[in-house]
mmCIF file of all heavy atoms, coordinates in Angstrom:
data_MODEL
# 
_entry.id   MODEL 
# 
loop_
_atom_site.group_PDB 
_atom_site.id 
_atom_site.type_symbol 
_atom_site.label_atom_id 
_atom_site.label_alt_id 
_atom_site.label_comp_id 
_atom_site.label_asym_id 
_atom_site.label_entity_id 
_atom_site.label_seq_id 
_atom_site.pdbx_PDB_ins_code 
_atom_site.Cartn_x 
_atom_site.Cartn_y 
_atom_site.Cartn_z 
_atom_site.occupancy 
_atom_site.B_iso_or_equiv 
_atom_site.pdbx_formal_charge 
_atom_site.auth_seq_id 
_atom_site.auth_comp_id 
_atom_site.auth_asym_id 
_atom_site.auth_atom_id 
_atom_site.pdbx_PDB_model_num 
ATOM 1   N N   . PRO A 1 1  ? -6.628  3.480  9.442   1.00 0.00 ? 1  PRO A N   1 
ATOM 2   C CA  . PRO A 1 1  ? -7.927  3.529  10.131  1.00 0.00 ? 1  PRO A CA  1 
ATOM 3   C C   . PRO A 1 1  ? -8.746  2.261  9.975   1.00 0.00 ? 1  PRO A C   1 
ATOM 4   O O   . PRO A 1 1  ? -9.533  1.920  10.865  1.00 0.00 ? 1  PRO A O   1 
ATOM 5   C CB  . PRO A 1 1  ? -8.627  4.719  9.455   1.00 0.00 ? 1  PRO A CB  1 
ATOM 6   C CG  . PRO A 1 1  ? -7.527  5.562  8.900   1.00 0.00 ? 1  PRO A CG  1 
ATOM 7   C CD  . PRO A 1 1  ? -6.458  4.601  8.497   1.00 0.00 ? 1  PRO A CD  1 
ATOM 8   N N   . GLY A 1 2  ? -8.579  1.537  8.851   1.00 0.00 ? 2  GLY A N   1 
ATOM 9   C CA  . GLY A 1 2  ? -9.394  0.355  8.610   1.00 0.00 ? 2  GLY A CA  1 
ATOM 10  C C   . GLY A 1 2  ? -9.291  -0.690 9.704   1.00 0.00 ? 2  GLY A C   1 
ATOM 11  O O   . GLY A 1 2  ? -10.301 -1.323 10.076  1.00 0.00 ? 2  GLY A O   1 
ATOM 12  N N   . ASP A 1 3  ? -8.088  -0.903 10.242  1.00 0.00 ? 3  ASP A N   1 
ATOM 13  C CA  . ASP A 1 3  ? -7.916  -1.870 11.325  1.00 0.00 ? 3  ASP A CA  1 
ATOM 14  C C   . ASP A 1 3  ? -7.218  -1.269 12.539  1.00 0.00 ? 3  ASP A C   1 
ATOM 15  O O   . ASP A 1 3  ? -6.845  -1.983 13.469  1.00 0.00 ? 3  ASP A O   1 
ATOM 16  C CB  . ASP A 1 3  ? -7.157  -3.106 10.841  1.00 0.00 ? 3  ASP A CB  1 
ATOM 17  C CG  . ASP A 1 3  ? -5.777  -2.765 10.275  1.00 0.00 ? 3  ASP A CG  1 
ATOM 18  O OD1 . ASP A 1 3  ? -5.324  -1.617 10.454  1.00 0.00 ? 3  ASP A OD1 1 
ATOM 19  O OD2 . ASP A 1 3  ? -5.165  -3.639 9.646   1.00 0.00 ? 3  ASP A OD2 1 
ATOM 20  N N   . ASP A 1 4  ? -7.043  0.039  12.520  1.00 0.00 ? 4  ASP A N   1 
ATOM 21  C CA  . ASP A 1 4  ? -6.475  0.794  13.642  1.00 0.00 ? 4  ASP A CA  1 
ATOM 22  C C   . ASP A 1 4  ? -5.019  0.425  13.930  1.00 0.00 ? 4  ASP A C   1 
ATOM 23  O O   . ASP A 1 4  ? -4.506  0.675  15.020  1.00 0.00 ? 4  ASP A O   1 
ATOM 24  C CB  . ASP A 1 4  ? -7.316  0.615  14.909  1.00 0.00 ? 4  ASP A CB  1 
ATOM 25  C CG  . ASP A 1 4  ? -7.180  1.803  15.856  1.00 0.00 ? 4  ASP A CG  1 
ATOM 26  O OD1 . ASP A 1 4  ? -7.035  2.941  15.370  1.00 0.00 ? 4  ASP A OD1 1 
ATOM 27  O OD2 . ASP A 1 4  ? -7.211  1.603  17.084  1.00 0.00 ? 4  ASP A OD2 1 
ATOM 28  N N   . ARG A 1 5  ? -4.327  -0.132 12.948  1.00 0.00 ? 5  ARG A N   1 
ATOM 29  C CA  . ARG A 1 5  ? -2.909  -0.442 13.142  1.00 0.00 ? 5  ARG A CA  1 
ATOM 30  C C   . ARG A 1 5  ? -2.096  0.835  13.036  1.00 0.00 ? 5  ARG A C   1 
ATOM 31  O O   . ARG A 1 5  ? -2.360  1.708  12.201  1.00 0.00 ? 5  ARG A O   1 
ATOM 32  C CB  . ARG A 1 5  ? -2.429  -1.458 12.117  1.00 0.00 ? 5  ARG A CB  1 
ATOM 33  C CG  . ARG A 1 5  ? -3.042  -2.833 12.284  1.00 0.00 ? 5  ARG A CG  1 
ATOM 34  C CD  . ARG A 1 5  ? -2.447  -3.838 11.326  1.00 0.00 ? 5  ARG A CD  1 
ATOM 35  N NE  . ARG A 1 5  ? -1.015  -4.034 11.572  1.00 0.00 ? 5  ARG A NE  1 
ATOM 36  C CZ  . ARG A 1 5  ? -0.257  -4.869 10.873  1.00 0.00 ? 5  ARG A CZ  1 
ATOM 37  N NH1 . ARG A 1 5  ? -0.771  -5.562 9.865   1.00 0.00 ? 5  ARG A NH1 1 
ATOM 38  N NH2 . ARG A 1 5  ? 1.021   -5.008 11.152  1.00 0.00 ? 5  ARG A NH2 1 
ATOM 39  N N   . GLU A 1 6  ? -1.081  0.936  13.873  1.00 0.00 ? 6  GLU A N   1 
ATOM 40  C CA  . GLU A 1 6  ? -0.287  2.157  13.931  1.00 0.00 ? 6  GLU A CA  1 
ATOM 41  C C   . GLU A 1 6  ? 1.183   1.822  14.165  1.00 0.00 ? 6  GLU A C   1 
ATOM 42  O O   . GLU A 1 6  ? 1.506   0.844  14.843  1.00 0.00 ? 6  GLU A O   1 
ATOM 43  C CB  . GLU A 1 6  ? -0.806  3.071  15.045  1.00 0.00 ? 6  GLU A CB  1 
ATOM 44  C CG  . GLU A 1 6  ? -0.119  4.419  15.106  1.00 0.00 ? 6  GLU A CG  1 
ATOM 45  C CD  . GLU A 1 6  ? -0.760  5.331  16.136  1.00 0.00 ? 6  GLU A CD  1 
ATOM 46  O OE1 . GLU A 1 6  ? -1.499  4.816  17.012  1.00 0.00 ? 6  GLU A OE1 1 
ATOM 47  O OE2 . GLU A 1 6  ? -0.522  6.535  16.075  1.00 0.00 ? 6  GLU A OE2 1 
ATOM 48  N N   . ARG A 1 7  ? 2.041   2.649  13.589  1.00 0.00 ? 7  ARG A N   1 
ATOM 49  C CA  . ARG A 1 7  ? 3.476   2.501  13.800  1.00 0.00 ? 7  ARG A CA  1 
ATOM 50  C C   . ARG A 1 7  ? 4.109   3.883  13.830  1.00 0.00 ? 7  ARG A C   1 
ATOM 51  O O   . ARG A 1 7  ? 3.761   4.751  13.043  1.00 0.00 ? 7  ARG A O   1 
ATOM 52  C CB  . ARG A 1 7  ? 4.104   1.649  12.684  1.00 0.00 ? 7  ARG A CB  1 
ATOM 53  C CG  . ARG A 1 7  ? 5.616   1.478  12.843  1.00 0.00 ? 7  ARG A CG  1 
ATOM 54  C CD  . ARG A 1 7  ? 6.179   0.517  11.812  1.00 0.00 ? 7  ARG A CD  1 
ATOM 55  N NE  . ARG A 1 7  ? 6.113   1.085  10.465  1.00 0.00 ? 7  ARG A NE  1 
ATOM 56  C CZ  . ARG A 1 7  ? 6.634   0.493  9.398   1.00 0.00 ? 7  ARG A CZ  1 
ATOM 57  N NH1 . ARG A 1 7  ? 7.218   -0.698 9.503   1.00 0.00 ? 7  ARG A NH1 1 
ATOM 58  N NH2 . ARG A 1 7  ? 6.541   1.063  8.213   1.00 0.00 ? 7  ARG A NH2 1 
ATOM 59  N N   . THR A 1 8  ? 5.044   4.076  14.735  1.00 0.00 ? 8  THR A N   1 
ATOM 60  C CA  . THR A 1 8  ? 5.827   5.297  14.790  1.00 0.00 ? 8  THR A CA  1 
ATOM 61  C C   . THR A 1 8  ? 7.297   4.930  14.643  1.00 0.00 ? 8  THR A C   1 
ATOM 62  O O   . THR A 1 8  ? 7.801   4.065  15.358  1.00 0.00 ? 8  THR A O   1 
ATOM 63  C CB  . THR A 1 8  ? 5.603   6.060  16.104  1.00 0.00 ? 8  THR A CB  1 
ATOM 64  O OG1 . THR A 1 8  ? 4.248   6.533  16.155  1.00 0.00 ? 8  THR A OG1 1 
ATOM 65  C CG2 . THR A 1 8  ? 6.536   7.265  16.191  1.00 0.00 ? 8  THR A CG2 1 
ATOM 66  N N   . THR A 1 9  ? 7.965   5.589  13.709  1.00 0.00 ? 9  THR A N   1 
ATOM 67  C CA  . THR A 1 9  ? 9.374   5.337  13.443  1.00 0.00 ? 9  THR A CA  1 
ATOM 68  C C   . THR A 1 9  ? 10.189  6.549  13.870  1.00 0.00 ? 9  THR A C   1 
ATOM 69  O O   . THR A 1 9  ? 9.875   7.681  13.494  1.00 0.00 ? 9  THR A O   1 
ATOM 70  C CB  . THR A 1 9  ? 9.611   5.075  11.940  1.00 0.00 ? 9  THR A CB  1 
ATOM 71  O OG1 . THR A 1 9  ? 8.796   3.982  11.532  1.00 0.00 ? 9  THR A OG1 1 
ATOM 72  C CG2 . THR A 1 9  ? 11.071  4.765  11.673  1.00 0.00 ? 9  THR A CG2 1 
ATOM 73  N N   . GLU A 1 10 ? 11.221  6.301  14.667  1.00 0.00 ? 10 GLU A N   1 
ATOM 74  C CA  . GLU A 1 10 ? 12.110  7.369  15.108  1.00 0.00 ? 10 GLU A CA  1 
ATOM 75  C C   . GLU A 1 10 ? 13.184  7.577  14.026  1.00 0.00 ? 10 GLU A C   1 
ATOM 76  O O   . GLU A 1 10 ? 14.108  6.779  13.907  1.00 0.00 ? 10 GLU A O   1 
ATOM 77  C CB  . GLU A 1 10 ? 12.760  7.003  16.439  1.00 0.00 ? 10 GLU A CB  1 
ATOM 78  C CG  . GLU A 1 10 ? 11.768  6.720  17.563  1.00 0.00 ? 10 GLU A CG  1 
ATOM 79  C CD  . GLU A 1 10 ? 11.102  7.982  18.089  1.00 0.00 ? 10 GLU A CD  1 
ATOM 80  O OE1 . GLU A 1 10 ? 11.633  9.092  17.840  1.00 0.00 ? 10 GLU A OE1 1 
ATOM 81  O OE2 . GLU A 1 10 ? 10.049  7.849  18.746  1.00 0.00 ? 10 GLU A OE2 1 
ATOM 82  N N   . VAL A 1 11 ? 13.039  8.627  13.262  1.00 0.00 ? 11 VAL A N   1 
ATOM 83  C CA  . VAL A 1 11 ? 13.987  8.927  12.176  1.00 0.00 ? 11 VAL A CA  1 
ATOM 84  C C   . VAL A 1 11 ? 15.113  9.819  12.668  1.00 0.00 ? 11 VAL A C   1 
ATOM 85  O O   . VAL A 1 11 ? 16.262  9.684  12.279  1.00 0.00 ? 11 VAL A O   1 
ATOM 86  C CB  . VAL A 1 11 ? 13.260  9.576  10.984  1.00 0.00 ? 11 VAL A CB  1 
ATOM 87  C CG1 . VAL A 1 11 ? 14.245  9.970  9.887   1.00 0.00 ? 11 VAL A CG1 1 
ATOM 88  C CG2 . VAL A 1 11 ? 12.204  8.629  10.431  1.00 0.00 ? 11 VAL A CG2 1 
ATOM 89  N N   . GLY A 1 12 ? 14.786  10.741 13.558  1.00 0.00 ? 12 GLY A N   1 
ATOM 90  C CA  . GLY A 1 12 ? 15.776  11.663 14.092  1.00 0.00 ? 12 GLY A CA  1 
ATOM 91  C C   . GLY A 1 12 ? 15.929  12.906 13.243  1.00 0.00 ? 12 GLY A C   1 
ATOM 92  O O   . GLY A 1 12 ? 15.476  12.977 12.106  1.00 0.00 ? 12 GLY A O   1 
ATOM 93  N N   . GLY A 1 13 ? 16.592  13.908 13.812  1.00 0.00 ? 13 GLY A N   1 
ATOM 94  C CA  . GLY A 1 13 ? 16.777  15.173 13.117  1.00 0.00 ? 13 GLY A CA  1 
ATOM 95  C C   . GLY A 1 13 ? 15.462  15.927 12.999  1.00 0.00 ? 13 GLY A C   1 
ATOM 96  O O   . GLY A 1 13 ? 14.463  15.594 13.641  1.00 0.00 ? 13 GLY A O   1 
ATOM 97  N N   . GLU A 1 14 ? 15.475  16.968 12.173  1.00 0.00 ? 14 GLU A N   1 
ATOM 98  C CA  . GLU A 1 14 ? 14.257  17.731 11.899  1.00 0.00 ? 14 GLU A CA  1 
ATOM 99  C C   . GLU A 1 14 ? 13.599  17.114 10.662  1.00 0.00 ? 14 GLU A C   1 
ATOM 100 O O   . GLU A 1 14 ? 13.975  17.407 9.531   1.00 0.00 ? 14 GLU A O   1 
ATOM 101 C CB  . GLU A 1 14 ? 14.585  19.201 11.676  1.00 0.00 ? 14 GLU A CB  1 
ATOM 102 C CG  . GLU A 1 14 ? 15.067  19.916 12.935  1.00 0.00 ? 14 GLU A CG  1 
ATOM 103 C CD  . GLU A 1 14 ? 15.386  21.378 12.692  1.00 0.00 ? 14 GLU A CD  1 
ATOM 104 O OE1 . GLU A 1 14 ? 16.292  21.655 11.877  1.00 0.00 ? 14 GLU A OE1 1 
ATOM 105 O OE2 . GLU A 1 14 ? 14.731  22.242 13.301  1.00 0.00 ? 14 GLU A OE2 1 
ATOM 106 N N   . LEU A 1 15 ? 12.621  16.262 10.899  1.00 0.00 ? 15 LEU A N   1 
ATOM 107 C CA  . LEU A 1 15 ? 11.969  15.523 9.826   1.00 0.00 ? 15 LEU A CA  1 
ATOM 108 C C   . LEU A 1 15 ? 10.746  16.308 9.362   1.00 0.00 ? 15 LEU A C   1 
ATOM 109 O O   . LEU A 1 15 ? 9.672   16.214 9.940   1.00 0.00 ? 15 LEU A O   1 
ATOM 110 C CB  . LEU A 1 15 ? 11.559  14.130 10.327  1.00 0.00 ? 15 LEU A CB  1 
ATOM 111 C CG  . LEU A 1 15 ? 10.884  13.223 9.302   1.00 0.00 ? 15 LEU A CG  1 
ATOM 112 C CD1 . LEU A 1 15 ? 11.830  12.876 8.162   1.00 0.00 ? 15 LEU A CD1 1 
ATOM 113 C CD2 . LEU A 1 15 ? 10.362  11.961 9.980   1.00 0.00 ? 15 LEU A CD2 1 
ATOM 114 N N   . SER A 1 16 ? 10.909  17.074 8.301   1.00 0.00 ? 16 SER A N   1 
ATOM 115 C CA  . SER A 1 16 ? 9.853   18.003 7.899   1.00 0.00 ? 16 SER A CA  1 
ATOM 116 C C   . SER A 1 16 ? 8.801   17.380 7.007   1.00 0.00 ? 16 SER A C   1 
ATOM 117 O O   . SER A 1 16 ? 7.691   17.914 6.895   1.00 0.00 ? 16 SER A O   1 
ATOM 118 C CB  . SER A 1 16 ? 10.459  19.218 7.203   1.00 0.00 ? 16 SER A CB  1 
ATOM 119 O OG  . SER A 1 16 ? 11.219  18.837 6.082   1.00 0.00 ? 16 SER A OG  1 
ATOM 120 N N   . ALA A 1 17 ? 9.102   16.261 6.336   1.00 0.00 ? 17 ALA A N   1 
ATOM 121 C CA  . ALA A 1 17 ? 8.116   15.651 5.450   1.00 0.00 ? 17 ALA A CA  1 
ATOM 122 C C   . ALA A 1 17 ? 8.476   14.200 5.185   1.00 0.00 ? 17 ALA A C   1 
ATOM 123 O O   . ALA A 1 17 ? 9.648   13.821 5.201   1.00 0.00 ? 17 ALA A O   1 
ATOM 124 C CB  . ALA A 1 17 ? 8.033   16.422 4.127   1.00 0.00 ? 17 ALA A CB  1 
ATOM 125 N N   . ALA A 1 18 ? 7.438   13.402 4.913   1.00 0.00 ? 18 ALA A N   1 
ATOM 126 C CA  . ALA A 1 18 ? 7.593   12.012 4.469   1.00 0.00 ? 18 ALA A CA  1 
ATOM 127 C C   . ALA A 1 18 ? 6.598   11.799 3.338   1.00 0.00 ? 18 ALA A C   1 
ATOM 128 O O   . ALA A 1 18 ? 5.382   11.814 3.569   1.00 0.00 ? 18 ALA A O   1 
ATOM 129 C CB  . ALA A 1 18 ? 7.342   11.035 5.609   1.00 0.00 ? 18 ALA A CB  1 
ATOM 130 N N   . VAL A 1 19 ? 7.097   11.644 2.139   1.00 0.00 ? 19 VAL A N   1 
ATOM 131 C CA  . VAL A 1 19 ? 6.258   11.516 0.946   1.00 0.00 ? 19 VAL A CA  1 
ATOM 132 C C   . VAL A 1 19 ? 6.308   10.071 0.463   1.00 0.00 ? 19 VAL A C   1 
ATOM 133 O O   . VAL A 1 19 ? 7.401   9.529  0.255   1.00 0.00 ? 19 VAL A O   1 
ATOM 134 C CB  . VAL A 1 19 ? 6.748   12.466 -0.167  1.00 0.00 ? 19 VAL A CB  1 
ATOM 135 C CG1 . VAL A 1 19 ? 5.909   12.304 -1.426  1.00 0.00 ? 19 VAL A CG1 1 
ATOM 136 C CG2 . VAL A 1 19 ? 6.713   13.919 0.318   1.00 0.00 ? 19 VAL A CG2 1 
ATOM 137 N N   . PRO A 1 20 ? 5.157   9.421  0.294   1.00 0.00 ? 20 PRO A N   1 
ATOM 138 C CA  . PRO A 1 20 ? 5.173   8.030  -0.180  1.00 0.00 ? 20 PRO A CA  1 
ATOM 139 C C   . PRO A 1 20 ? 5.860   7.896  -1.543  1.00 0.00 ? 20 PRO A C   1 
ATOM 140 O O   . PRO A 1 20 ? 5.802   8.805  -2.378  1.00 0.00 ? 20 PRO A O   1 
ATOM 141 C CB  . PRO A 1 20 ? 3.679   7.675  -0.286  1.00 0.00 ? 20 PRO A CB  1 
ATOM 142 C CG  . PRO A 1 20 ? 2.990   8.631  0.622   1.00 0.00 ? 20 PRO A CG  1 
ATOM 143 C CD  . PRO A 1 20 ? 3.793   9.902  0.556   1.00 0.00 ? 20 PRO A CD  1 
ATOM 144 N N   . ARG A 1 21 ? 6.496   6.759  -1.736  1.00 0.00 ? 21 ARG A N   1 
ATOM 145 C CA  . ARG A 1 21 ? 7.181   6.460  -2.993  1.00 0.00 ? 21 ARG A CA  1 
ATOM 146 C C   . ARG A 1 21 ? 6.387   5.422  -3.774  1.00 0.00 ? 21 ARG A C   1 
ATOM 147 O O   . ARG A 1 21 ? 5.783   4.522  -3.172  1.00 0.00 ? 21 ARG A O   1 
ATOM 148 C CB  . ARG A 1 21 ? 8.583   5.929  -2.680  1.00 0.00 ? 21 ARG A CB  1 
ATOM 149 C CG  . ARG A 1 21 ? 9.451   5.628  -3.886  1.00 0.00 ? 21 ARG A CG  1 
ATOM 150 C CD  . ARG A 1 21 ? 10.878  5.351  -3.440  1.00 0.00 ? 21 ARG A CD  1 
ATOM 151 N NE  . ARG A 1 21 ? 11.680  4.771  -4.519  1.00 0.00 ? 21 ARG A NE  1 
ATOM 152 C CZ  . ARG A 1 21 ? 11.988  3.482  -4.618  1.00 0.00 ? 21 ARG A CZ  1 
ATOM 153 N NH1 . ARG A 1 21 ? 11.571  2.645  -3.687  1.00 0.00 ? 21 ARG A NH1 1 
ATOM 154 N NH2 . ARG A 1 21 ? 12.711  3.035  -5.625  1.00 0.00 ? 21 ARG A NH2 1 
ATOM 155 N N   . ARG A 1 22 ? 6.364   5.550  -5.091  1.00 0.00 ? 22 ARG A N   1 
ATOM 156 C CA  . ARG A 1 22 ? 5.543   4.669  -5.929  1.00 0.00 ? 22 ARG A CA  1 
ATOM 157 C C   . ARG A 1 22 ? 5.857   3.194  -5.714  1.00 0.00 ? 22 ARG A C   1 
ATOM 158 O O   . ARG A 1 22 ? 4.951   2.353  -5.674  1.00 0.00 ? 22 ARG A O   1 
ATOM 159 C CB  . ARG A 1 22 ? 5.753   5.036  -7.398  1.00 0.00 ? 22 ARG A CB  1 
ATOM 160 C CG  . ARG A 1 22 ? 4.890   4.238  -8.379  1.00 0.00 ? 22 ARG A CG  1 
ATOM 161 C CD  . ARG A 1 22 ? 5.249   4.571  -9.805  1.00 0.00 ? 22 ARG A CD  1 
ATOM 162 N NE  . ARG A 1 22 ? 6.661   4.273  -10.067 1.00 0.00 ? 22 ARG A NE  1 
ATOM 163 C CZ  . ARG A 1 22 ? 7.319   4.663  -11.159 1.00 0.00 ? 22 ARG A CZ  1 
ATOM 164 N NH1 . ARG A 1 22 ? 6.703   5.389  -12.066 1.00 0.00 ? 22 ARG A NH1 1 
ATOM 165 N NH2 . ARG A 1 22 ? 8.597   4.337  -11.323 1.00 0.00 ? 22 ARG A NH2 1 
ATOM 166 N N   . ASP A 1 23 ? 7.126   2.873  -5.552  1.00 0.00 ? 23 ASP A N   1 
ATOM 167 C CA  . ASP A 1 23 ? 7.543   1.478  -5.411  1.00 0.00 ? 23 ASP A CA  1 
ATOM 168 C C   . ASP A 1 23 ? 7.740   1.064  -3.961  1.00 0.00 ? 23 ASP A C   1 
ATOM 169 O O   . ASP A 1 23 ? 8.412   0.064  -3.680  1.00 0.00 ? 23 ASP A O   1 
ATOM 170 C CB  . ASP A 1 23 ? 8.832   1.240  -6.204  1.00 0.00 ? 23 ASP A CB  1 
ATOM 171 C CG  . ASP A 1 23 ? 8.624   1.453  -7.697  1.00 0.00 ? 23 ASP A CG  1 
ATOM 172 O OD1 . ASP A 1 23 ? 7.501   1.193  -8.177  1.00 0.00 ? 23 ASP A OD1 1 
ATOM 173 O OD2 . ASP A 1 23 ? 9.565   1.891  -8.376  1.00 0.00 ? 23 ASP A OD2 1 
ATOM 174 N N   . GLY A 1 24 ? 7.157   1.801  -3.038  1.00 0.00 ? 24 GLY A N   1 
ATOM 175 C CA  . GLY A 1 24 ? 7.286   1.491  -1.623  1.00 0.00 ? 24 GLY A CA  1 
ATOM 176 C C   . GLY A 1 24 ? 8.352   2.321  -0.954  1.00 0.00 ? 24 GLY A C   1 
ATOM 177 O O   . GLY A 1 24 ? 9.309   2.766  -1.587  1.00 0.00 ? 24 GLY A O   1 
ATOM 178 N N   . GLY A 1 25 ? 8.192   2.535  0.335   1.00 0.00 ? 25 GLY A N   1 
ATOM 179 C CA  . GLY A 1 25 ? 9.130   3.378  1.058   1.00 0.00 ? 25 GLY A CA  1 
ATOM 180 C C   . GLY A 1 25 ? 8.741   4.843  0.962   1.00 0.00 ? 25 GLY A C   1 
ATOM 181 O O   . GLY A 1 25 ? 7.588   5.185  0.670   1.00 0.00 ? 25 GLY A O   1 
ATOM 182 N N   . TRP A 1 26 ? 9.729   5.703  1.193   1.00 0.00 ? 26 TRP A N   1 
ATOM 183 C CA  . TRP A 1 26 ? 9.447   7.120  1.367   1.00 0.00 ? 26 TRP A CA  1 
ATOM 184 C C   . TRP A 1 26 ? 10.529  7.989  0.734   1.00 0.00 ? 26 TRP A C   1 
ATOM 185 O O   . TRP A 1 26 ? 11.665  7.550  0.551   1.00 0.00 ? 26 TRP A O   1 
ATOM 186 C CB  . TRP A 1 26 ? 9.418   7.470  2.867   1.00 0.00 ? 26 TRP A CB  1 
ATOM 187 C CG  . TRP A 1 26 ? 8.521   6.614  3.669   1.00 0.00 ? 26 TRP A CG  1 
ATOM 188 C CD1 . TRP A 1 26 ? 8.844   5.441  4.292   1.00 0.00 ? 26 TRP A CD1 1 
ATOM 189 C CD2 . TRP A 1 26 ? 7.139   6.835  3.924   1.00 0.00 ? 26 TRP A CD2 1 
ATOM 190 N NE1 . TRP A 1 26 ? 7.746   4.927  4.928   1.00 0.00 ? 26 TRP A NE1 1 
ATOM 191 C CE2 . TRP A 1 26 ? 6.689   5.746  4.728   1.00 0.00 ? 26 TRP A CE2 1 
ATOM 192 C CE3 . TRP A 1 26 ? 6.249   7.842  3.585   1.00 0.00 ? 26 TRP A CE3 1 
ATOM 193 C CZ2 . TRP A 1 26 ? 5.378   5.660  5.167   1.00 0.00 ? 26 TRP A CZ2 1 
ATOM 194 C CZ3 . TRP A 1 26 ? 4.940   7.746  4.019   1.00 0.00 ? 26 TRP A CZ3 1 
ATOM 195 C CH2 . TRP A 1 26 ? 4.514   6.669  4.803   1.00 0.00 ? 26 TRP A CH2 1 
ATOM 196 N N   . VAL A 1 27 ? 10.157  9.233  0.477   1.00 0.00 ? 27 VAL A N   1 
ATOM 197 C CA  . VAL A 1 27 ? 11.137  10.305 0.367   1.00 0.00 ? 27 VAL A CA  1 
ATOM 198 C C   . VAL A 1 27 ? 11.017  11.101 1.662   1.00 0.00 ? 27 VAL A C   1 
ATOM 199 O O   . VAL A 1 27 ? 9.933   11.589 2.006   1.00 0.00 ? 27 VAL A O   1 
ATOM 200 C CB  . VAL A 1 27 ? 10.877  11.221 -0.844  1.00 0.00 ? 27 VAL A CB  1 
ATOM 201 C CG1 . VAL A 1 27 ? 11.867  12.381 -0.836  1.00 0.00 ? 27 VAL A CG1 1 
ATOM 202 C CG2 . VAL A 1 27 ? 10.993  10.434 -2.142  1.00 0.00 ? 27 VAL A CG2 1 
ATOM 203 N N   . LEU A 1 28 ? 12.114  11.205 2.381   1.00 0.00 ? 28 LEU A N   1 
ATOM 204 C CA  . LEU A 1 28 ? 12.140  11.934 3.649   1.00 0.00 ? 28 LEU A CA  1 
ATOM 205 C C   . LEU A 1 28 ? 12.882  13.248 3.468   1.00 0.00 ? 28 LEU A C   1 
ATOM 206 O O   . LEU A 1 28 ? 13.954  13.282 2.857   1.00 0.00 ? 28 LEU A O   1 
ATOM 207 C CB  . LEU A 1 28 ? 12.833  11.099 4.730   1.00 0.00 ? 28 LEU A CB  1 
ATOM 208 C CG  . LEU A 1 28 ? 12.272  9.705  4.997   1.00 0.00 ? 28 LEU A CG  1 
ATOM 209 C CD1 . LEU A 1 28 ? 13.115  9.011  6.056   1.00 0.00 ? 28 LEU A CD1 1 
ATOM 210 C CD2 . LEU A 1 28 ? 10.808  9.776  5.422   1.00 0.00 ? 28 LEU A CD2 1 
ATOM 211 N N   . ALA A 1 29 ? 12.307  14.303 4.013   1.00 0.00 ? 29 ALA A N   1 
ATOM 212 C CA  . ALA A 1 29 ? 12.974  15.600 4.039   1.00 0.00 ? 29 ALA A CA  1 
ATOM 213 C C   . ALA A 1 29 ? 13.466  15.823 5.463   1.00 0.00 ? 29 ALA A C   1 
ATOM 214 O O   . ALA A 1 29 ? 12.666  16.006 6.387   1.00 0.00 ? 29 ALA A O   1 
ATOM 215 C CB  . ALA A 1 29 ? 12.024  16.713 3.614   1.00 0.00 ? 29 ALA A CB  1 
# 
């Protein structure tokens, strides 16, 4: 929201969750 930058990533499948990771990146369900 601070600069209104946005990105959408096509992961595919039934992507039920994306949890931030401490060292960067994600845990994807």
